[in-house]
PDB file of N, CA and C in Angstrom:
ATOM      1  N   MET A   1     -65.064  54.411 133.650  1.00  0.00           N
ATOM      2  CA  MET A   1     -66.194  53.653 134.165  1.00  0.00           C
ATOM      3  C   MET A   1     -67.482  54.431 133.904  1.00  0.00           C
ATOM      4  N   THR A   2     -68.530  53.724 133.528  1.00  0.00           N
ATOM      5  CA  THR A   2     -69.792  54.392 133.224  1.00  0.00           C
ATOM      6  C   THR A   2     -70.583  54.665 134.500  1.00  0.00           C
ATOM      7  N   ALA A   3     -71.297  55.778 134.498  1.00  0.00           N
ATOM      8  CA  ALA A   3     -72.137  56.132 135.631  1.00  0.00           C
ATOM      9  C   ALA A   3     -73.555  55.607 135.444  1.00  0.00           C
ATOM     10  N   THR A   4     -73.911  55.302 134.200  1.00  0.00           N
ATOM     11  CA  THR A   4     -75.230  54.757 133.871  1.00  0.00           C
ATOM     12  C   THR A   4     -75.043  53.647 132.844  1.00  0.00           C
ATOM     13  N   ASN A   5     -76.091  52.882 132.594  1.00  0.00           N
ATOM     14  CA  ASN A   5     -76.042  51.871 131.533  1.00  0.00           C
ATOM     15  C   ASN A   5     -75.968  52.569 130.178  1.00  0.00           C
ATOM     16  N   ILE A   6     -75.228  51.973 129.247  1.00  0.00           N
ATOM     17  CA  ILE A   6     -75.104  52.540 127.896  1.00  0.00           C
ATOM     18  C   ILE A   6     -75.602  51.509 126.888  1.00  0.00           C
ATOM     19  N   ALA A   7     -76.550  51.923 126.057  1.00  0.00           N
ATOM     20  CA  ALA A   7     -77.125  51.038 125.042  1.00  0.00           C
ATOM     21  C   ALA A   7     -76.105  50.718 123.960  1.00  0.00           C
ATOM     22  N   LEU A   8     -76.170  49.486 123.477  1.00  0.00           N
ATOM     23  CA  LEU A   8     -75.286  49.036 122.403  1.00  0.00           C
ATOM     24  C   LEU A   8     -76.110  48.452 121.265  1.00  0.00           C
ATOM     25  N   LYS A   9     -75.600  48.548 120.056  1.00  0.00           N
ATOM     26  CA  LYS A   9     -76.189  47.895 118.890  1.00  0.00           C
ATOM     27  C   LYS A   9     -75.191  46.834 118.453  1.00  0.00           C
ATOM     28  N   VAL A  10     -75.393  45.610 118.970  1.00  0.00           N
ATOM     29  CA  VAL A  10     -74.468  44.508 118.731  1.00  0.00           C
ATOM     30  C   VAL A  10     -75.071  43.546 117.713  1.00  0.00           C
ATOM     31  N   PRO A  11     -74.410  43.347 116.572  1.00  0.00           N
ATOM     32  CA  PRO A  11     -74.905  42.353 115.612  1.00  0.00           C
ATOM     33  C   PRO A  11     -74.893  40.964 116.250  1.00  0.00           C
ATOM     34  N   PHE A  12     -75.815  40.124 115.832  1.00  0.00           N
ATOM     35  CA  PHE A  12     -75.946  38.803 116.428  1.00  0.00           C
ATOM     36  C   PHE A  12     -74.636  38.026 116.388  1.00  0.00           C
ATOM     37  N   ASN A  13     -73.910  38.113 115.290  1.00  0.00           N
ATOM     38  CA  ASN A  13     -72.675  37.338 115.170  1.00  0.00           C
ATOM     39  C   ASN A  13     -71.537  37.866 116.056  1.00  0.00           C
ATOM     40  N   GLU A  14     -71.750  39.004 116.745  1.00  0.00           N
ATOM     41  CA  GLU A  14     -70.745  39.563 117.652  1.00  0.00           C
ATOM     42  C   GLU A  14     -71.192  39.527 119.107  1.00  0.00           C
ATOM     43  N   LYS A  15     -72.344  38.896 119.380  1.00  0.00           N
ATOM     44  CA  LYS A  15     -72.905  38.898 120.732  1.00  0.00           C
ATOM     45  C   LYS A  15     -71.993  38.241 121.759  1.00  0.00           C
ATOM     46  N   ASP A  16     -71.330  37.153 121.379  1.00  0.00           N
ATOM     47  CA  ASP A  16     -70.439  36.460 122.316  1.00  0.00           C
ATOM     48  C   ASP A  16     -69.239  37.332 122.680  1.00  0.00           C
ATOM     49  N   GLN A  17     -68.764  38.094 121.716  1.00  0.00           N
ATOM     50  CA  GLN A  17     -67.650  39.005 121.973  1.00  0.00           C
ATOM     51  C   GLN A  17     -68.083  40.100 122.963  1.00  0.00           C
ATOM     52  N   ALA A  18     -69.258  40.679 122.734  1.00  0.00           N
ATOM     53  CA  ALA A  18     -69.761  41.721 123.631  1.00  0.00           C
ATOM     54  C   ALA A  18     -69.986  41.164 125.034  1.00  0.00           C
ATOM     55  N   LYS A  19     -70.556  39.963 125.115  1.00  0.00           N
ATOM     56  CA  LYS A  19     -70.808  39.325 126.410  1.00  0.00           C
ATOM     57  C   LYS A  19     -69.495  39.070 127.147  1.00  0.00           C
ATOM     58  N   ALA A  20     -68.467  38.607 126.426  1.00  0.00           N
ATOM     59  CA  ALA A  20     -67.167  38.329 127.034  1.00  0.00           C
ATOM     60  C   ALA A  20     -66.533  39.600 127.605  1.00  0.00           C
ATOM     61  N   LEU A  21     -66.821  40.736 126.991  1.00  0.00           N
ATOM     62  CA  LEU A  21     -66.288  42.009 127.482  1.00  0.00           C
ATOM     63  C   LEU A  21     -67.074  42.541 128.677  1.00  0.00           C
ATOM     64  N   GLY A  22     -68.259  41.950 128.944  1.00  0.00           N
ATOM     65  CA  GLY A  22     -69.057  42.378 130.089  1.00  0.00           C
ATOM     66  C   GLY A  22     -70.393  42.994 129.761  1.00  0.00           C
ATOM     67  N   ALA A  23     -70.766  43.019 128.481  1.00  0.00           N
ATOM     68  CA  ALA A  23     -72.068  43.554 128.100  1.00  0.00           C
ATOM     69  C   ALA A  23     -73.171  42.657 128.653  1.00  0.00           C
ATOM     70  N   LYS A  24     -74.316  43.236 128.916  1.00  0.00           N
ATOM     71  CA  LYS A  24     -75.480  42.503 129.415  1.00  0.00           C
ATOM     72  C   LYS A  24     -76.616  42.634 128.410  1.00  0.00           C
ATOM     73  N   TRP A  25     -77.490  41.608 128.369  1.00  0.00           N
ATOM     74  CA  TRP A  25     -78.650  41.594 127.479  1.00  0.00           C
ATOM     75  C   TRP A  25     -79.884  41.958 128.269  1.00  0.00           C
ATOM     76  N   ASN A  26     -80.654  42.908 127.785  1.00  0.00           N
ATOM     77  CA  ASN A  26     -81.935  43.257 128.377  1.00  0.00           C
ATOM     78  C   ASN A  26     -83.005  42.662 127.471  1.00  0.00           C
ATOM     79  N   ALA A  27     -83.605  41.555 127.922  1.00  0.00           N
ATOM     80  CA  ALA A  27     -84.579  40.840 127.090  1.00  0.00           C
ATOM     81  C   ALA A  27     -85.841  41.654 126.844  1.00  0.00           C
ATOM     82  N   GLU A  28     -86.261  42.439 127.829  1.00  0.00           N
ATOM     83  CA  GLU A  28     -87.481  43.235 127.636  1.00  0.00           C
ATOM     84  C   GLU A  28     -87.265  44.341 126.612  1.00  0.00           C
ATOM     85  N   ALA A  29     -86.136  45.036 126.705  1.00  0.00           N
ATOM     86  CA  ALA A  29     -85.850  46.130 125.775  1.00  0.00           C
ATOM     87  C   ALA A  29     -85.209  45.623 124.488  1.00  0.00           C
ATOM     88  N   LYS A  30     -84.794  44.354 124.497  1.00  0.00           N
ATOM     89  CA  LYS A  30     -84.198  43.703 123.326  1.00  0.00           C
ATOM     90  C   LYS A  30     -82.944  44.425 122.842  1.00  0.00           C
ATOM     91  N   HIS A  31     -82.033  44.675 123.766  1.00  0.00           N
ATOM     92  CA  HIS A  31     -80.761  45.269 123.377  1.00  0.00           C
ATOM     93  C   HIS A  31     -79.678  44.906 124.385  1.00  0.00           C
ATOM     94  N   TRP A  32     -78.448  45.009 123.923  1.00  0.00           N
ATOM     95  CA  TRP A  32     -77.279  44.839 124.768  1.00  0.00           C
ATOM     96  C   TRP A  32     -76.957  46.193 125.375  1.00  0.00           C
ATOM     97  N   TYR A  33     -76.304  46.178 126.544  1.00  0.00           N
ATOM     98  CA  TYR A  33     -75.882  47.421 127.162  1.00  0.00           C
ATOM     99  C   TYR A  33     -74.628  47.212 127.992  1.00  0.00           C
ATOM    100  N   VAL A  34     -73.894  48.307 128.203  1.00  0.00           N
ATOM    101  CA  VAL A  34     -72.745  48.308 129.100  1.00  0.00           C
ATOM    102  C   VAL A  34     -73.298  48.656 130.474  1.00  0.00           C
ATOM    103  N   PRO A  35     -73.140  47.772 131.466  1.00  0.00           N
ATOM    104  CA  PRO A  35     -73.676  48.067 132.792  1.00  0.00           C
ATOM    105  C   PRO A  35     -72.902  49.192 133.483  1.00  0.00           C
ATOM    106  N   GLN A  36     -73.584  49.821 134.390  1.00  0.00           N
ATOM    107  CA  GLN A  36     -72.989  50.880 135.198  1.00  0.00           C
ATOM    108  C   GLN A  36     -71.732  50.343 135.886  1.00  0.00           C
ATOM    109  N   GLY A  37     -70.668  51.142 135.894  1.00  0.00           N
ATOM    110  CA  GLY A  37     -69.438  50.768 136.572  1.00  0.00           C
ATOM    111  C   GLY A  37     -68.443  49.985 135.731  1.00  0.00           C
ATOM    112  N   VAL A  38     -68.804  49.677 134.470  1.00  0.00           N
ATOM    113  CA  VAL A  38     -67.910  48.941 133.577  1.00  0.00           C
ATOM    114  C   VAL A  38     -67.270  49.928 132.603  1.00  0.00           C
ATOM    115  N   ASN A  39     -65.982  49.731 132.301  1.00  0.00           N
ATOM    116  CA  ASN A  39     -65.277  50.581 131.341  1.00  0.00           C
ATOM    117  C   ASN A  39     -65.951  50.440 129.977  1.00  0.00           C
ATOM    118  N   ALA A  40     -66.437  51.540 129.426  1.00  0.00           N
ATOM    119  CA  ALA A  40     -67.185  51.515 128.169  1.00  0.00           C
ATOM    120  C   ALA A  40     -66.287  51.546 126.935  1.00  0.00           C
ATOM    121  N   GLU A  41     -65.026  51.861 127.092  1.00  0.00           N
ATOM    122  CA  GLU A  41     -64.134  52.017 125.939  1.00  0.00           C
ATOM    123  C   GLU A  41     -64.082  50.797 125.014  1.00  0.00           C
ATOM    124  N   PRO A  42     -64.010  49.559 125.518  1.00  0.00           N
ATOM    125  CA  PRO A  42     -63.965  48.404 124.610  1.00  0.00           C
ATOM    126  C   PRO A  42     -65.240  48.196 123.792  1.00  0.00           C
ATOM    127  N   PHE A  43     -66.312  48.883 124.121  1.00  0.00           N
ATOM    128  CA  PHE A  43     -67.596  48.711 123.454  1.00  0.00           C
ATOM    129  C   PHE A  43     -67.870  49.792 122.410  1.00  0.00           C
ATOM    130  N   ALA A  44     -66.915  50.680 122.171  1.00  0.00           N
ATOM    131  CA  ALA A  44     -67.137  51.858 121.324  1.00  0.00           C
ATOM    132  C   ALA A  44     -67.695  51.518 119.945  1.00  0.00           C
ATOM    133  N   LYS A  45     -67.277  50.407 119.349  1.00  0.00           N
ATOM    134  CA  LYS A  45     -67.753  50.095 117.994  1.00  0.00           C
ATOM    135  C   LYS A  45     -69.243  49.769 117.954  1.00  0.00           C
ATOM    136  N   TRP A  46     -69.840  49.495 119.115  1.00  0.00           N
ATOM    137  CA  TRP A  46     -71.262  49.152 119.169  1.00  0.00           C
ATOM    138  C   TRP A  46     -72.139  50.274 119.721  1.00  0.00           C
ATOM    139  N   PHE A  47     -71.559  51.435 120.026  1.00  0.00           N
ATOM    140  CA  PHE A  47     -72.362  52.534 120.558  1.00  0.00           C
ATOM    141  C   PHE A  47     -73.419  52.948 119.546  1.00  0.00           C
ATOM    142  N   THR A  48     -74.604  53.223 120.058  1.00  0.00           N
ATOM    143  CA  THR A  48     -75.634  53.828 119.222  1.00  0.00           C
ATOM    144  C   THR A  48     -75.343  55.321 119.190  1.00  0.00           C
ATOM    145  N   THR A  49     -75.968  56.077 118.330  1.00  0.00           N
ATOM    146  CA  THR A  49     -75.720  57.509 118.226  1.00  0.00           C
ATOM    147  C   THR A  49     -75.930  58.186 119.571  1.00  0.00           C
ATOM    148  N   GLY A  50     -74.904  58.850 120.057  1.00  0.00           N
ATOM    149  CA  GLY A  50     -74.989  59.558 121.335  1.00  0.00           C
ATOM    150  C   GLY A  50     -75.000  58.650 122.540  1.00  0.00           C
ATOM    151  N   ALA A  51     -74.693  57.375 122.387  1.00  0.00           N
ATOM    152  CA  ALA A  51     -74.800  56.422 123.484  1.00  0.00           C
ATOM    153  C   ALA A  51     -73.853  56.720 124.628  1.00  0.00           C
ATOM    154  N   ALA A  52     -72.696  57.281 124.341  1.00  0.00           N
ATOM    155  CA  ALA A  52     -71.720  57.510 125.399  1.00  0.00           C
ATOM    156  C   ALA A  52     -72.236  58.502 126.441  1.00  0.00           C
ATOM    157  N   SER A  53     -73.186  59.345 126.048  1.00  0.00           N
ATOM    158  CA  SER A  53     -73.707  60.316 126.998  1.00  0.00           C
ATOM    159  C   SER A  53     -75.169  60.069 127.365  1.00  0.00           C
ATOM    160  N   ALA A  54     -75.816  59.129 126.689  1.00  0.00           N
ATOM    161  CA  ALA A  54     -77.239  58.893 126.926  1.00  0.00           C
ATOM    162  C   ALA A  54     -77.458  57.650 127.779  1.00  0.00           C
ATOM    163  N   PRO A  55     -78.114  57.800 128.941  1.00  0.00           N
ATOM    164  CA  PRO A  55     -78.389  56.629 129.765  1.00  0.00           C
ATOM    165  C   PRO A  55     -79.442  55.736 129.132  1.00  0.00           C
ATOM    166  N   VAL A  56     -79.429  54.487 129.507  1.00  0.00           N
ATOM    167  CA  VAL A  56     -80.395  53.517 129.011  1.00  0.00           C
ATOM    168  C   VAL A  56     -81.547  53.439 129.994  1.00  0.00           C
ATOM    169  N   ASN A  57     -82.744  53.590 129.499  1.00  0.00           N
ATOM    170  CA  ASN A  57     -83.926  53.401 130.337  1.00  0.00           C
ATOM    171  C   ASN A  57     -84.358  51.963 130.192  1.00  0.00           C
ATOM    172  N   THR A  58     -84.202  51.169 131.240  1.00  0.00           N
ATOM    173  CA  THR A  58     -84.591  49.768 131.190  1.00  0.00           C
ATOM    174  C   THR A  58     -85.549  49.494 132.330  1.00  0.00           C
ATOM    175  N   PRO A  59     -86.498  48.662 132.184  1.00  0.00           N
ATOM    176  CA  PRO A  59     -86.874  47.932 130.989  1.00  0.00           C
ATOM    177  C   PRO A  59     -87.758  48.759 130.061  1.00  0.00           C
ATOM    178  N   ALA A  60     -87.963  48.250 128.848  1.00  0.00           N
ATOM    179  CA  ALA A  60     -88.803  48.915 127.861  1.00  0.00           C
ATOM    180  C   ALA A  60     -90.268  48.728 128.219  1.00  0.00           C
ATOM    181  N   PRO A  61     -91.117  49.644 127.801  1.00  0.00           N
ATOM    182  CA  PRO A  61     -92.546  49.494 128.070  1.00  0.00           C
ATOM    183  C   PRO A  61     -93.120  48.258 127.382  1.00  0.00           C
ATOM    184  N   ALA A  62     -94.075  47.620 128.032  1.00  0.00           N
ATOM    185  CA  ALA A  62     -94.689  46.409 127.492  1.00  0.00           C
ATOM    186  C   ALA A  62     -95.399  46.688 126.172  1.00  0.00           C
ATOM    187  N   SER A  63     -95.843  47.914 125.940  1.00  0.00           N
ATOM    188  CA  SER A  63     -96.563  48.248 124.709  1.00  0.00           C
ATOM    189  C   SER A  63     -95.677  48.146 123.474  1.00  0.00           C
ATOM    190  N   LYS A  64     -94.362  48.063 123.655  1.00  0.00           N
ATOM    191  CA  LYS A  64     -93.444  47.979 122.532  1.00  0.00           C
ATOM    192  C   LYS A  64     -93.219  46.547 122.056  1.00  0.00           C
ATOM    193  N   GLN A  65     -93.849  45.567 122.680  1.00  0.00           N
ATOM    194  CA  GLN A  65     -93.667  44.179 122.295  1.00  0.00           C
ATOM    195  C   GLN A  65     -94.249  43.940 120.902  1.00  0.00           C
ATOM    196  N   ALA A  66     -93.578  43.084 120.153  1.00  0.00           N
ATOM    197  CA  ALA A  66     -94.014  42.780 118.795  1.00  0.00           C
ATOM    198  C   ALA A  66     -95.260  41.909 118.813  1.00  0.00           C
ATOM    199  N   SER A  67     -96.125  42.137 117.845  1.00  0.00           N
ATOM    200  CA  SER A  67     -97.311  41.294 117.733  1.00  0.00           C
ATOM    201  C   SER A  67     -96.943  40.019 116.987  1.00  0.00           C
ATOM    202  N   PRO A  68     -97.715  38.943 117.164  1.00  0.00           N
ATOM    203  CA  PRO A  68     -97.384  37.683 116.493  1.00  0.00           C
ATOM    204  C   PRO A  68     -97.364  37.788 114.969  1.00  0.00           C
ATOM    205  N   THR A  69     -98.052  38.767 114.415  1.00  0.00           N
ATOM    206  CA  THR A  69     -98.113  38.891 112.959  1.00  0.00           C
ATOM    207  C   THR A  69     -97.050  39.827 112.392  1.00  0.00           C
ATOM    208  N   SER A  70     -96.269  40.463 113.252  1.00  0.00           N
ATOM    209  CA  SER A  70     -95.256  41.381 112.735  1.00  0.00           C
ATOM    210  C   SER A  70     -94.068  40.611 112.161  1.00  0.00           C
ATOM    211  N   ASN A  71     -93.330  41.262 111.292  1.00  0.00           N
ATOM    212  CA  ASN A  71     -92.127  40.645 110.732  1.00  0.00           C
ATOM    213  C   ASN A  71     -91.055  40.607 111.801  1.00  0.00           C
ATOM    214  N   LEU A  72     -90.332  39.499 111.860  1.00  0.00           N
ATOM    215  CA  LEU A  72     -89.248  39.387 112.832  1.00  0.00           C
ATOM    216  C   LEU A  72     -88.074  40.259 112.385  1.00  0.00           C
ATOM    217  N   GLN A  73     -87.568  41.038 113.302  1.00  0.00           N
ATOM    218  CA  GLN A  73     -86.385  41.864 113.067  1.00  0.00           C
ATOM    219  C   GLN A  73     -85.194  41.191 113.730  1.00  0.00           C
ATOM    220  N   ASP A  74     -83.988  41.645 113.418  1.00  0.00           N
ATOM    221  CA  ASP A  74     -82.783  41.088 114.032  1.00  0.00           C
ATOM    222  C   ASP A  74     -82.846  41.157 115.546  1.00  0.00           C
ATOM    223  N   ASP A  75     -83.358  42.273 116.082  1.00  0.00           N
ATOM    224  CA  ASP A  75     -83.451  42.415 117.538  1.00  0.00           C
ATOM    225  C   ASP A  75     -84.408  41.388 118.134  1.00  0.00           C
ATOM    226  N   ASP A  76     -85.493  41.076 117.409  1.00  0.00           N
ATOM    227  CA  ASP A  76     -86.447  40.072 117.885  1.00  0.00           C
ATOM    228  C   ASP A  76     -85.781  38.700 117.939  1.00  0.00           C
ATOM    229  N   ILE A  77     -85.040  38.385 116.908  1.00  0.00           N
ATOM    230  CA  ILE A  77     -84.351  37.097 116.851  1.00  0.00           C
ATOM    231  C   ILE A  77     -83.303  37.020 117.959  1.00  0.00           C
ATOM    232  N   ASP A  78     -82.589  38.136 118.193  1.00  0.00           N
ATOM    233  CA  ASP A  78     -81.613  38.169 119.282  1.00  0.00           C
ATOM    234  C   ASP A  78     -82.292  37.902 120.621  1.00  0.00           C
ATOM    235  N   ALA A  79     -83.461  38.485 120.839  1.00  0.00           N
ATOM    236  CA  ALA A  79     -84.176  38.290 122.092  1.00  0.00           C
ATOM    237  C   ALA A  79     -84.617  36.842 122.265  1.00  0.00           C
ATOM    238  N   ILE A  80     -85.104  36.246 121.202  1.00  0.00           N
ATOM    239  CA  ILE A  80     -85.528  34.839 121.262  1.00  0.00           C
ATOM    240  C   ILE A  80     -84.331  33.957 121.581  1.00  0.00           C
ATOM    241  N   ASN A  81     -83.226  34.193 120.892  1.00  0.00           N
ATOM    242  CA  ASN A  81     -82.021  33.404 121.147  1.00  0.00           C
ATOM    243  C   ASN A  81     -81.514  33.595 122.569  1.00  0.00           C
ATOM    244  N   ALA A  82     -81.580  34.808 123.078  1.00  0.00           N
ATOM    245  CA  ALA A  82     -81.115  35.067 124.448  1.00  0.00           C
ATOM    246  C   ALA A  82     -81.976  34.314 125.463  1.00  0.00           C
ATOM    247  N   ARG A  83     -83.272  34.308 125.253  1.00  0.00           N
ATOM    248  CA  ARG A  83     -84.160  33.588 126.179  1.00  0.00           C
ATOM    249  C   ARG A  83     -83.929  32.083 126.117  1.00  0.00           C
ATOM    250  N   LEU A  84     -83.724  31.562 124.920  1.00  0.00           N
ATOM    251  CA  LEU A  84     -83.423  30.132 124.789  1.00  0.00           C
ATOM    252  C   LEU A  84     -82.099  29.795 125.464  1.00  0.00           C
ATOM    253  N   ARG A  85     -81.105  30.643 125.252  1.00  0.00           N
ATOM    254  CA  ARG A  85     -79.798  30.422 125.862  1.00  0.00           C
ATOM    255  C   ARG A  85     -79.898  30.454 127.383  1.00  0.00           C
ATOM    256  N   GLU A  86     -80.635  31.426 127.933  1.00  0.00           N
ATOM    257  CA  GLU A  86     -80.804  31.528 129.384  1.00  0.00           C
ATOM    258  C   GLU A  86     -81.528  30.303 129.935  1.00  0.00           C
ATOM    259  N   ALA A  87     -82.554  29.841 129.234  1.00  0.00           N
ATOM    260  CA  ALA A  87     -83.294  28.661 129.691  1.00  0.00           C
ATOM    261  C   ALA A  87     -82.399  27.427 129.689  1.00  0.00           C
ATOM    262  N   PHE A  88     -81.573  27.302 128.668  1.00  0.00           N
ATOM    263  CA  PHE A  88     -80.670  26.158 128.578  1.00  0.00           C
ATOM    264  C   PHE A  88     -79.608  26.223 129.669  1.00  0.00           C
ATOM    265  N   GLU A  89     -79.042  27.417 129.913  1.00  0.00           N
ATOM    266  CA  GLU A  89     -77.997  27.568 130.929  1.00  0.00           C
ATOM    267  C   GLU A  89     -78.528  27.329 132.326  1.00  0.00           C
ATOM    268  N   ASP A  90     -79.809  27.599 132.572  1.00  0.00           N
ATOM    269  CA  ASP A  90     -80.402  27.415 133.897  1.00  0.00           C
ATOM    270  C   ASP A  90     -80.710  25.959 134.205  1.00  0.00           C
ATOM    271  N   ARG A  91     -80.693  25.108 133.198  1.00  0.00           N
ATOM    272  CA  ARG A  91     -81.007  23.690 133.413  1.00  0.00           C
ATOM    273  C   ARG A  91     -79.861  22.972 134.103  1.00  0.00           C
ATOM    274  N   GLU A  92     -80.211  22.031 134.946  1.00  0.00           N
ATOM    275  CA  GLU A  92     -79.200  21.227 135.614  1.00  0.00           C
ATOM    276  C   GLU A  92     -79.162  19.862 134.930  1.00  0.00           C
ATOM    277  N   PHE A  93     -77.969  19.423 134.626  1.00  0.00           N
ATOM    278  CA  PHE A  93     -77.789  18.137 133.992  1.00  0.00           C
ATOM    279  C   PHE A  93     -77.122  17.184 134.973  1.00  0.00           C
ATOM    280  N   ASP A  94     -77.569  15.929 134.947  1.00  0.00           N
ATOM    281  CA  ASP A  94     -76.988  14.930 135.848  1.00  0.00           C
ATOM    282  C   ASP A  94     -75.682  14.407 135.307  1.00  0.00           C
TER     283      ASP A  94
END
């Protein structure tokens, strides 16, 4: 079990797998992480360098936000998709 959050580098096409294992998305920092108290072993393939021993500082500073003119990176697209997914899941349908 982890004592702190552990950052993950999850490719977009594997996000559902990471989520099913218990990973969480931090929209501000634009990354997936293993929450404190969850067994980190199933997430090993997504560890960033030194992630098993390095805690995640969340949330990220606001100054790190992308400007409208910057090129979209995979992490930016992941964040946009996560926000859209959260907005859709929060909606109530009759």
